[in-house]
N, C-alpha and C. Protein backbone atom coordinates (compact mmCIF):
# COMPACT_ATOMS: atom_id res chain seq x y z
N MET A 1 27.26 -20.08 36.39
CA MET A 1 26.29 -20.02 35.64
C MET A 1 25.16 -21.40 36.15
N LEU A 2 23.86 -20.82 35.81
CA LEU A 2 22.94 -21.99 36.14
C LEU A 2 23.10 -23.31 35.22
N ASP A 3 22.89 -24.34 35.88
CA ASP A 3 23.39 -25.65 34.96
C ASP A 3 21.62 -26.02 34.66
N PHE A 4 21.69 -26.00 33.31
CA PHE A 4 20.23 -26.57 32.72
C PHE A 4 20.19 -28.06 32.32
N LYS A 5 21.36 -28.69 32.51
CA LYS A 5 21.54 -30.03 32.06
C LYS A 5 20.34 -30.87 32.86
N PRO A 6 20.04 -30.85 34.24
CA PRO A 6 19.20 -31.96 34.65
C PRO A 6 17.59 -31.28 34.13
N LEU A 7 17.69 -30.05 33.73
CA LEU A 7 16.28 -29.80 33.03
C LEU A 7 15.94 -30.41 31.81
N ARG A 8 16.96 -30.37 31.04
CA ARG A 8 16.85 -30.97 29.57
C ARG A 8 16.55 -32.32 29.77
N GLU A 9 17.42 -32.95 30.76
CA GLU A 9 17.22 -34.44 30.69
C GLU A 9 16.09 -34.90 31.77
N ARG A 10 15.24 -33.84 32.30
CA ARG A 10 13.90 -34.08 32.72
C ARG A 10 14.14 -34.58 34.13
N GLN A 11 15.45 -34.60 34.54
CA GLN A 11 15.58 -34.86 36.01
C GLN A 11 14.83 -33.94 37.35
N VAL A 12 14.81 -32.56 36.59
CA VAL A 12 13.87 -31.45 37.19
C VAL A 12 12.84 -30.82 36.42
N THR A 13 12.21 -30.17 36.96
CA THR A 13 11.16 -29.49 36.14
C THR A 13 11.47 -28.06 36.43
N ILE A 14 11.04 -27.18 35.34
CA ILE A 14 11.34 -25.70 35.46
C ILE A 14 10.63 -25.11 36.88
N VAL A 15 9.51 -25.74 37.27
CA VAL A 15 9.01 -25.30 38.57
C VAL A 15 9.68 -25.27 39.86
N SER A 16 10.34 -26.76 39.88
CA SER A 16 11.39 -27.15 41.20
C SER A 16 12.58 -26.36 40.81
N MET A 17 12.93 -26.19 39.71
CA MET A 17 14.45 -25.44 39.71
C MET A 17 14.32 -23.84 39.82
N SER A 18 13.05 -23.49 39.51
CA SER A 18 12.95 -22.13 39.97
C SER A 18 12.33 -21.63 41.55
N SER A 19 11.95 -22.85 41.93
CA SER A 19 11.19 -22.19 43.23
C SER A 19 12.18 -21.76 44.37
N GLU A 20 13.44 -21.90 44.46
CA GLU A 20 14.40 -21.45 45.48
C GLU A 20 15.09 -20.40 44.79
N LEU A 21 14.90 -19.92 43.84
CA LEU A 21 15.68 -18.75 43.18
C LEU A 21 15.21 -17.27 43.55
N SER A 22 16.14 -16.59 43.93
CA SER A 22 15.69 -15.13 44.25
C SER A 22 15.87 -14.24 42.85
N ARG A 23 15.45 -12.80 43.33
CA ARG A 23 15.97 -11.83 42.34
C ARG A 23 17.14 -11.95 42.19
N GLU A 24 17.86 -11.79 43.15
CA GLU A 24 19.46 -11.47 43.08
C GLU A 24 19.62 -13.00 42.18
N ASP A 25 19.58 -14.12 42.71
CA ASP A 25 20.04 -15.30 41.85
C ASP A 25 19.60 -15.05 40.21
N LEU A 26 18.28 -14.49 39.84
CA LEU A 26 18.51 -14.41 38.37
C LEU A 26 18.72 -13.17 37.80
N LYS A 27 19.36 -12.21 38.70
CA LYS A 27 20.21 -11.11 37.99
C LYS A 27 21.38 -11.64 38.04
N GLN A 28 22.14 -12.65 38.58
CA GLN A 28 23.39 -13.01 38.68
C GLN A 28 23.29 -14.05 37.45
N ALA A 29 22.42 -14.78 37.16
CA ALA A 29 22.26 -15.61 36.07
C ALA A 29 21.94 -14.92 34.63
N THR A 30 21.53 -13.80 34.79
CA THR A 30 21.35 -12.84 33.54
C THR A 30 22.64 -12.38 33.40
N HIS A 31 23.50 -11.88 34.37
CA HIS A 31 24.87 -11.61 34.08
C HIS A 31 25.57 -12.49 33.38
N ASP A 32 25.37 -13.92 34.11
CA ASP A 32 26.17 -15.13 33.60
C ASP A 32 26.17 -15.45 31.91
N MET A 33 24.86 -15.46 32.07
CA MET A 33 24.34 -15.85 30.20
C MET A 33 24.96 -14.85 29.21
N LEU A 34 24.64 -13.85 29.65
CA LEU A 34 25.11 -12.74 28.64
C LEU A 34 26.63 -12.55 28.71
N ASP A 35 27.03 -12.70 29.70
CA ASP A 35 28.89 -12.66 29.69
C ASP A 35 29.35 -13.90 28.97
N THR A 36 28.64 -15.01 29.15
CA THR A 36 29.13 -16.16 28.38
C THR A 36 28.90 -16.05 26.88
N ILE A 37 27.70 -15.26 26.45
CA ILE A 37 27.39 -15.22 25.05
C ILE A 37 28.24 -14.40 24.54
N LEU A 38 28.56 -13.02 25.03
CA LEU A 38 29.71 -12.11 24.66
C LEU A 38 31.17 -12.86 24.68
N ASN A 39 31.53 -13.67 25.64
CA ASN A 39 32.62 -14.40 25.40
C ASN A 39 32.97 -15.36 24.40
N LEU A 40 31.80 -15.91 24.10
CA LEU A 40 31.65 -16.80 22.71
C LEU A 40 31.63 -16.02 21.40
N ILE A 41 31.39 -14.84 21.38
CA ILE A 41 31.83 -14.11 20.13
C ILE A 41 32.64 -13.07 20.15
N SER A 42 33.68 -13.20 21.33
CA SER A 42 34.59 -11.89 21.46
C SER A 42 35.61 -11.74 20.15
N ASP A 43 35.99 -13.04 19.46
CA ASP A 43 37.07 -13.09 18.33
C ASP A 43 36.29 -12.65 17.19
N CYS A 44 34.98 -12.39 17.25
CA CYS A 44 34.12 -12.29 15.91
C CYS A 44 34.47 -11.26 15.11
N GLN A 45 34.32 -11.22 13.80
CA GLN A 45 34.41 -10.02 12.87
C GLN A 45 32.96 -9.91 12.32
N ASP A 46 32.92 -8.68 11.72
CA ASP A 46 31.58 -8.55 11.05
C ASP A 46 31.02 -9.66 10.09
N ALA A 47 32.04 -10.20 9.15
CA ALA A 47 31.78 -11.26 8.12
C ALA A 47 30.74 -12.40 8.90
N ASP A 48 31.22 -12.67 10.34
CA ASP A 48 30.90 -14.01 10.98
C ASP A 48 29.14 -13.71 11.13
N VAL A 49 28.97 -12.17 11.21
CA VAL A 49 27.65 -12.04 11.92
C VAL A 49 26.68 -12.60 10.61
N THR A 50 26.94 -12.54 9.21
CA THR A 50 26.08 -12.70 8.25
C THR A 50 26.46 -14.02 7.68
N PHE A 51 27.57 -14.54 8.26
CA PHE A 51 27.77 -15.95 7.78
C PHE A 51 26.81 -17.02 7.89
N MET A 52 26.65 -17.78 6.52
CA MET A 52 25.70 -18.92 6.64
C MET A 52 26.32 -20.19 6.87
N PRO A 53 25.94 -20.59 8.07
CA PRO A 53 26.59 -21.90 8.62
C PRO A 53 25.88 -23.09 7.73
N GLU A 54 26.65 -24.12 7.77
CA GLU A 54 25.86 -25.52 7.63
C GLU A 54 25.27 -25.78 8.55
N ASP A 55 23.98 -26.22 8.44
CA ASP A 55 23.07 -27.00 9.51
C ASP A 55 22.13 -27.60 9.09
N PRO A 56 22.49 -29.17 9.02
CA PRO A 56 21.50 -29.93 8.12
C PRO A 56 20.21 -30.41 9.12
N LEU A 57 20.12 -29.73 10.43
CA LEU A 57 19.05 -29.94 11.19
C LEU A 57 18.17 -28.68 11.23
N ALA A 58 18.61 -27.69 10.45
CA ALA A 58 17.81 -26.32 10.47
C ALA A 58 16.35 -26.81 10.17
N ASN A 59 15.54 -26.15 11.28
CA ASN A 59 14.18 -26.25 11.13
C ASN A 59 13.36 -25.15 12.06
N ASP A 60 12.59 -24.34 11.42
CA ASP A 60 12.02 -23.03 11.99
C ASP A 60 10.62 -23.05 11.60
N PRO A 61 9.63 -23.92 12.12
CA PRO A 61 8.50 -23.97 11.93
C PRO A 61 7.46 -22.82 12.08
N TYR A 62 8.25 -21.74 12.62
CA TYR A 62 7.40 -20.32 12.89
C TYR A 62 8.10 -19.17 12.07
N ALA A 63 8.78 -19.68 11.07
CA ALA A 63 9.43 -18.59 9.91
C ALA A 63 7.98 -18.16 9.04
N CYS A 64 8.16 -16.96 8.86
CA CYS A 64 6.85 -16.05 8.11
C CYS A 64 7.32 -16.70 6.78
N ASP A 65 8.39 -16.90 6.05
CA ASP A 65 8.76 -17.00 4.73
C ASP A 65 9.05 -18.42 4.73
N PRO A 66 8.14 -19.55 4.07
CA PRO A 66 8.30 -20.77 3.76
C PRO A 66 9.85 -21.01 3.43
N GLU A 67 10.64 -20.17 2.43
CA GLU A 67 11.86 -20.60 2.11
C GLU A 67 12.70 -20.44 3.48
N GLU A 68 12.47 -19.92 4.66
CA GLU A 68 13.24 -19.90 5.44
C GLU A 68 13.41 -20.94 6.58
N VAL A 69 12.11 -21.87 6.25
CA VAL A 69 11.89 -22.92 7.41
C VAL A 69 13.16 -23.64 7.68
N HIS A 70 13.93 -24.31 6.61
CA HIS A 70 15.09 -24.87 6.84
C HIS A 70 16.29 -24.40 6.55
N ARG A 71 16.17 -23.00 6.32
CA ARG A 71 17.70 -22.27 6.18
C ARG A 71 18.13 -22.31 7.48
N PRO A 72 19.52 -22.58 7.66
CA PRO A 72 20.16 -22.25 8.86
C PRO A 72 20.24 -20.88 9.24
N TRP A 73 20.47 -20.52 10.66
CA TRP A 73 20.49 -19.24 11.12
C TRP A 73 21.74 -18.51 11.03
N THR A 74 21.88 -17.34 10.78
CA THR A 74 23.39 -16.60 10.91
C THR A 74 23.49 -16.36 12.39
N LEU A 75 24.69 -15.94 12.98
CA LEU A 75 25.06 -15.55 14.31
C LEU A 75 24.03 -14.36 14.68
N GLY A 76 23.76 -13.27 13.66
CA GLY A 76 23.11 -12.29 14.00
C GLY A 76 21.61 -12.57 14.37
N HIS A 77 20.89 -13.49 13.34
CA HIS A 77 19.74 -14.06 13.64
C HIS A 77 19.64 -14.81 15.08
N VAL A 78 20.74 -15.66 15.43
CA VAL A 78 20.43 -16.32 16.60
C VAL A 78 20.50 -15.16 17.91
N ILE A 79 21.44 -14.17 17.56
CA ILE A 79 21.55 -13.49 18.81
C ILE A 79 20.08 -12.40 18.85
N VAL A 80 19.41 -11.91 17.68
CA VAL A 80 18.07 -11.31 18.09
C VAL A 80 17.14 -12.04 18.44
N HIS A 81 17.42 -13.16 18.10
CA HIS A 81 16.06 -14.26 18.69
C HIS A 81 16.28 -14.68 19.88
N LEU A 82 17.42 -14.88 20.58
CA LEU A 82 17.29 -15.23 21.73
C LEU A 82 17.50 -13.99 22.96
N THR A 83 17.51 -12.88 22.47
CA THR A 83 17.47 -11.72 23.25
C THR A 83 16.10 -11.23 23.26
N ALA A 84 15.08 -11.52 22.18
CA ALA A 84 13.94 -11.28 22.31
C ALA A 84 13.14 -12.48 23.18
N SER A 85 13.57 -13.47 23.19
CA SER A 85 13.02 -14.54 24.27
C SER A 85 13.45 -14.02 25.48
N LEU A 86 14.61 -13.71 25.86
CA LEU A 86 15.04 -13.02 27.25
C LEU A 86 14.14 -11.96 27.77
N GLU A 87 14.01 -11.04 26.93
CA GLU A 87 13.26 -10.18 27.14
C GLU A 87 11.87 -10.23 27.20
N GLU A 88 11.21 -11.16 26.57
CA GLU A 88 9.99 -11.57 26.73
C GLU A 88 9.59 -11.84 28.03
N SER A 89 10.55 -13.44 28.27
CA SER A 89 10.44 -13.99 29.55
C SER A 89 10.80 -12.76 30.76
N ALA A 90 11.31 -11.99 30.70
CA ALA A 90 11.55 -10.77 31.80
C ALA A 90 10.40 -10.09 31.82
N ALA A 91 9.91 -9.49 30.82
CA ALA A 91 8.94 -8.61 30.89
C ALA A 91 7.43 -9.47 31.20
N LEU A 92 7.19 -10.68 30.84
CA LEU A 92 6.13 -11.28 31.50
C LEU A 92 6.24 -11.74 32.91
N ALA A 93 7.52 -12.07 33.28
CA ALA A 93 7.56 -12.23 34.77
C ALA A 93 7.49 -11.20 35.62
N ALA A 94 7.93 -10.08 35.24
CA ALA A 94 8.03 -8.57 36.16
C ALA A 94 6.07 -8.37 36.11
N GLU A 95 5.50 -8.89 35.39
CA GLU A 95 4.35 -8.56 35.29
C GLU A 95 3.67 -9.33 36.09
N MET A 96 3.97 -10.80 36.32
CA MET A 96 3.52 -11.91 37.43
C MET A 96 3.64 -11.63 38.43
N ALA A 97 4.85 -11.11 38.80
CA ALA A 97 5.69 -10.56 39.70
C ALA A 97 4.90 -9.51 40.69
N ARG A 98 4.21 -8.59 40.02
CA ARG A 98 3.38 -7.63 40.30
C ARG A 98 1.78 -8.03 40.48
N GLY A 99 1.37 -9.29 40.08
CA GLY A 99 0.23 -9.66 40.50
C GLY A 99 -0.69 -9.53 39.20
N VAL A 100 -0.04 -9.50 38.22
CA VAL A 100 -0.80 -9.23 36.73
C VAL A 100 -0.87 -10.87 36.47
N GLU A 101 -2.28 -11.33 35.70
CA GLU A 101 -2.17 -12.59 35.32
C GLU A 101 -1.66 -12.56 33.96
N PHE A 102 -1.15 -13.67 33.45
CA PHE A 102 -0.49 -13.78 32.34
C PHE A 102 -1.82 -13.77 31.35
N HIS A 103 -1.35 -12.92 30.14
CA HIS A 103 -2.47 -12.53 29.12
C HIS A 103 -2.11 -12.48 27.88
N GLY A 104 -0.77 -13.40 27.56
CA GLY A 104 -0.57 -13.76 25.98
C GLY A 104 1.12 -13.42 26.24
N ARG A 105 1.33 -13.51 24.91
CA ARG A 105 2.95 -13.17 24.64
C ARG A 105 2.93 -11.57 24.67
N SER A 106 4.23 -11.13 24.79
CA SER A 106 4.81 -9.83 25.02
C SER A 106 6.41 -9.83 24.14
N ARG A 107 6.46 -9.91 22.85
CA ARG A 107 7.64 -10.09 22.24
C ARG A 107 7.70 -9.13 21.12
N TYR A 108 8.80 -8.56 20.96
CA TYR A 108 9.66 -8.11 19.84
C TYR A 108 10.77 -8.57 19.44
N GLU A 109 11.00 -8.98 18.32
CA GLU A 109 12.50 -9.42 17.60
C GLU A 109 12.89 -8.51 16.43
N THR A 110 14.12 -7.76 16.98
CA THR A 110 14.77 -7.19 15.83
C THR A 110 14.85 -7.98 14.49
N PRO A 111 14.35 -7.39 13.45
CA PRO A 111 14.66 -8.24 12.11
C PRO A 111 15.99 -8.55 12.01
N TYR A 112 16.42 -9.68 12.08
CA TYR A 112 17.84 -10.16 11.87
C TYR A 112 18.58 -9.58 10.63
N GLN A 113 18.03 -9.36 9.66
CA GLN A 113 18.24 -8.74 8.45
C GLN A 113 19.20 -7.57 8.61
N SER A 114 18.76 -6.90 9.55
CA SER A 114 19.36 -5.58 9.68
C SER A 114 20.73 -5.29 10.43
N VAL A 115 20.99 -6.84 11.10
CA VAL A 115 22.07 -6.58 12.03
C VAL A 115 23.06 -7.60 11.11
N LEU A 116 24.08 -6.48 11.01
CA LEU A 116 25.12 -6.79 9.93
C LEU A 116 26.58 -6.72 10.51
N SER A 117 26.66 -6.24 11.86
CA SER A 117 27.93 -5.79 12.52
C SER A 117 28.45 -6.94 13.83
N ILE A 118 29.32 -7.05 14.30
CA ILE A 118 29.45 -7.65 15.60
C ILE A 118 29.33 -6.70 16.63
N GLN A 119 29.50 -5.46 16.07
CA GLN A 119 29.28 -4.05 17.42
C GLN A 119 27.70 -4.08 17.67
N GLN A 120 26.98 -4.40 16.39
CA GLN A 120 25.65 -4.48 16.56
C GLN A 120 24.98 -5.69 17.56
N CYS A 121 25.56 -6.60 17.25
CA CYS A 121 25.28 -7.89 18.27
C CYS A 121 25.74 -7.52 19.58
N ARG A 122 26.86 -7.27 19.68
CA ARG A 122 27.31 -7.01 21.22
C ARG A 122 26.28 -5.60 21.89
N ARG A 123 25.77 -4.59 20.93
CA ARG A 123 24.95 -3.85 21.62
C ARG A 123 23.81 -3.92 21.88
N ARG A 124 23.21 -5.27 21.06
CA ARG A 124 22.05 -6.00 21.37
C ARG A 124 22.06 -6.87 22.72
N LEU A 125 23.12 -7.24 22.55
CA LEU A 125 23.36 -8.04 23.71
C LEU A 125 23.27 -7.31 25.29
N GLU A 126 23.98 -6.16 25.30
CA GLU A 126 24.10 -5.14 26.26
C GLU A 126 22.77 -4.45 26.55
N GLU A 127 21.94 -4.43 25.44
CA GLU A 127 20.50 -3.78 25.61
C GLU A 127 19.52 -4.70 26.38
N CYS A 128 19.92 -5.85 25.77
CA CYS A 128 19.16 -7.01 26.62
C CYS A 128 19.25 -7.11 27.83
N ARG A 129 20.49 -6.83 28.28
CA ARG A 129 21.03 -7.07 29.64
C ARG A 129 20.51 -6.00 30.40
N ARG A 130 20.44 -4.79 29.97
CA ARG A 130 19.70 -3.37 30.70
C ARG A 130 18.12 -3.63 30.89
N ILE A 131 17.49 -4.53 29.54
CA ILE A 131 16.01 -4.46 29.88
C ILE A 131 16.09 -5.53 30.87
N CYS A 132 16.64 -6.75 31.06
CA CYS A 132 16.26 -7.89 31.80
C CYS A 132 16.53 -7.25 33.44
N LEU A 133 17.53 -6.78 33.64
CA LEU A 133 17.63 -6.22 34.74
C LEU A 133 16.75 -5.34 35.34
N GLY A 134 16.40 -4.39 34.41
CA GLY A 134 15.55 -3.24 34.90
C GLY A 134 14.04 -4.06 35.06
N SER A 135 13.86 -5.07 34.15
CA SER A 135 12.40 -5.85 34.70
C SER A 135 12.62 -6.28 35.98
N LEU A 136 13.81 -6.84 36.62
CA LEU A 136 13.68 -7.21 37.80
C LEU A 136 13.58 -6.23 39.21
N GLN A 137 14.07 -4.94 38.64
CA GLN A 137 13.77 -3.96 39.55
C GLN A 137 12.16 -3.74 39.67
N MET A 138 11.55 -4.16 38.72
CA MET A 138 10.18 -4.08 38.90
C MET A 138 9.21 -4.82 39.66
N TRP A 139 9.78 -5.94 40.37
CA TRP A 139 9.06 -6.97 41.04
C TRP A 139 9.20 -6.28 42.61
N PRO A 140 7.67 -6.48 43.29
CA PRO A 140 7.79 -5.70 44.27
C PRO A 140 8.45 -6.66 45.52
N GLU A 141 8.45 -5.91 46.76
CA GLU A 141 9.43 -6.66 47.72
C GLU A 141 8.75 -8.09 48.05
N ALA A 142 7.36 -8.35 47.90
CA ALA A 142 7.01 -9.57 48.11
C ALA A 142 6.18 -10.00 47.06
N PRO A 143 6.76 -10.64 45.76
CA PRO A 143 5.94 -10.76 44.49
C PRO A 143 4.94 -12.06 44.70
N HIS A 144 4.11 -11.74 43.65
CA HIS A 144 2.65 -12.52 43.60
C HIS A 144 3.40 -13.78 43.19
N TYR A 145 4.03 -14.95 43.89
CA TYR A 145 4.34 -16.18 43.43
C TYR A 145 2.83 -16.78 43.11
N GLU A 146 1.88 -16.32 43.78
CA GLU A 146 0.44 -17.01 43.35
C GLU A 146 -0.01 -17.05 42.15
N ILE A 147 0.51 -15.98 41.38
CA ILE A 147 -0.02 -15.95 39.67
C ILE A 147 0.98 -16.89 38.99
N ASN A 148 0.34 -17.90 38.59
CA ASN A 148 1.02 -18.77 37.57
C ASN A 148 0.26 -19.17 36.53
N TYR A 149 0.78 -19.82 35.62
CA TYR A 149 0.05 -20.33 34.45
C TYR A 149 1.08 -21.46 34.12
N CYS A 150 0.65 -22.27 33.07
CA CYS A 150 1.13 -23.32 32.52
C CYS A 150 1.49 -22.96 30.69
N PRO A 151 2.78 -22.70 30.82
CA PRO A 151 3.21 -22.17 29.61
C PRO A 151 2.98 -23.19 28.22
N TRP A 152 2.90 -24.58 28.20
CA TRP A 152 2.87 -25.63 27.23
C TRP A 152 2.41 -27.10 28.03
N THR A 153 1.65 -27.92 27.57
CA THR A 153 1.18 -29.08 27.92
C THR A 153 2.19 -29.72 28.83
N GLY A 154 2.12 -30.25 30.02
CA GLY A 154 2.89 -30.74 30.85
C GLY A 154 4.45 -30.10 31.58
N ALA A 155 4.33 -28.83 31.16
CA ALA A 155 5.27 -27.95 31.77
C ALA A 155 4.98 -27.47 33.46
N GLY A 156 3.97 -27.91 33.79
CA GLY A 156 3.61 -27.35 35.36
C GLY A 156 3.32 -25.79 34.96
N LYS A 157 2.64 -25.56 36.25
CA LYS A 157 2.46 -23.91 36.38
C LYS A 157 3.52 -23.40 36.90
N VAL A 158 3.96 -22.54 35.92
CA VAL A 158 5.26 -21.49 36.74
C VAL A 158 4.86 -20.33 37.01
N ASP A 159 5.38 -19.53 38.11
CA ASP A 159 5.32 -18.29 38.56
C ASP A 159 6.47 -17.47 37.99
N ALA A 160 6.68 -16.24 38.57
CA ALA A 160 7.44 -15.15 37.82
C ALA A 160 8.89 -15.66 37.78
N ARG A 161 9.20 -16.41 38.97
CA ARG A 161 10.82 -17.10 38.73
C ARG A 161 10.64 -17.90 37.57
N GLY A 162 9.87 -18.87 37.54
CA GLY A 162 9.75 -19.91 36.31
C GLY A 162 9.63 -19.25 35.19
N ARG A 163 8.79 -18.19 34.92
CA ARG A 163 8.60 -17.41 33.65
C ARG A 163 9.98 -16.89 33.18
N TYR A 164 10.81 -16.33 34.21
CA TYR A 164 11.88 -15.65 33.94
C TYR A 164 13.03 -16.52 33.45
N LEU A 165 13.18 -17.77 34.24
CA LEU A 165 14.02 -18.95 34.08
C LEU A 165 13.87 -19.43 32.67
N LEU A 166 12.57 -19.41 32.19
CA LEU A 166 12.43 -20.07 30.85
C LEU A 166 13.28 -19.26 29.66
N GLY A 167 13.37 -18.13 29.95
CA GLY A 167 13.97 -17.14 29.11
C GLY A 167 15.36 -17.46 29.03
N LEU A 168 16.19 -17.85 30.26
CA LEU A 168 17.47 -18.02 30.56
C LEU A 168 17.51 -19.57 29.65
N LYS A 169 16.83 -20.49 30.02
CA LYS A 169 17.03 -21.79 29.65
C LYS A 169 17.06 -21.87 28.00
N HIS A 170 16.12 -20.77 27.13
CA HIS A 170 15.90 -20.69 25.94
C HIS A 170 17.51 -20.10 25.66
N ALA A 171 18.02 -19.25 26.10
CA ALA A 171 19.21 -18.54 25.62
C ALA A 171 20.34 -19.77 25.77
N ASP A 172 20.33 -20.55 26.70
CA ASP A 172 21.27 -21.63 27.09
C ASP A 172 20.98 -22.71 26.05
N ASP A 173 19.74 -22.99 25.63
CA ASP A 173 19.93 -24.08 24.16
C ASP A 173 20.53 -23.20 23.08
N HIS A 174 20.61 -22.10 22.87
CA HIS A 174 21.28 -21.75 21.78
C HIS A 174 22.80 -21.65 21.85
N LEU A 175 23.48 -21.87 22.77
CA LEU A 175 24.85 -21.58 23.09
C LEU A 175 25.78 -22.51 22.25
N GLY A 176 25.20 -23.75 22.02
CA GLY A 176 25.72 -24.65 21.37
C GLY A 176 25.93 -24.34 19.87
N GLN A 177 24.87 -23.71 19.59
CA GLN A 177 24.26 -23.09 17.95
C GLN A 177 25.36 -22.09 17.82
N ILE A 178 25.67 -21.36 18.81
CA ILE A 178 26.43 -20.00 18.49
C ILE A 178 27.67 -20.56 18.65
N ALA A 179 28.20 -21.16 19.38
CA ALA A 179 29.90 -21.67 19.23
C ALA A 179 29.99 -22.69 18.10
N ASP A 180 28.96 -23.39 17.50
CA ASP A 180 29.18 -24.15 16.20
C ASP A 180 29.28 -23.07 14.90
N ILE A 181 28.35 -22.18 15.05
CA ILE A 181 28.39 -20.97 14.22
C ILE A 181 29.76 -20.12 14.17
N VAL A 182 30.42 -19.63 15.13
CA VAL A 182 31.46 -19.12 15.53
C VAL A 182 32.67 -19.91 14.72
N GLN A 183 32.64 -21.38 15.35
CA GLN A 183 33.83 -22.27 14.78
C GLN A 183 33.64 -22.28 13.36
N GLN A 184 32.43 -22.30 12.76
CA GLN A 184 32.54 -22.51 11.16
C GLN A 184 33.03 -21.23 10.55
N ALA A 185 32.29 -20.06 11.22
CA ALA A 185 32.76 -18.80 10.45
C ALA A 185 34.17 -18.68 10.53
N SER A 186 35.04 -18.96 11.77
CA SER A 186 36.41 -18.71 11.84
C SER A 186 37.13 -19.68 10.74
N CYS A 187 36.75 -20.91 10.12
CA CYS A 187 37.32 -21.57 9.57
C CYS A 187 37.29 -21.19 8.14
N GLN A 188 36.27 -20.24 7.99
CA GLN A 188 36.11 -19.62 6.14
C GLN A 188 36.95 -18.51 6.53
N ARG A 189 37.60 -17.92 7.36
CA ARG A 189 38.22 -16.73 7.22
C ARG A 189 39.47 -17.10 6.58
């Protein structure tokens, strides 16, 4: 599995971390990430999916409902959020690799309220795997790495590899949250 710690600690940039990665590396990293998440939830039950954990640091400034801004996320919410981010990064990366300039976000997130079972979480993760791996098949033999953009101030300009890697890094950022929710839920059984 890719080690994102140097990136979090600002020892490397997303640009430098992604510059030597191949499509095969990204494919393997996708498998590693999704297998890790599936392993984290392997003993979960349906009740764990909607269990409301304690999270005093909960802060979602993008929540549509003001009452949800400081509400902790359920396991189902985290799963649909991180899979949407993985798929968005994969879709944008495929476009960039094919020579399409960045034109804005490309995102759909399953409503977390509709995810009520652990089987739904597992299916969502496997569907995400299929979508992300399929997007890598869309890359041409000679990807257009000259197509790049700066996703936020100070990030540097990312090419298709960096855009794809941002989705994996985002998922990696949620691994501790998943482990914490699973641990809290198992203690409530």
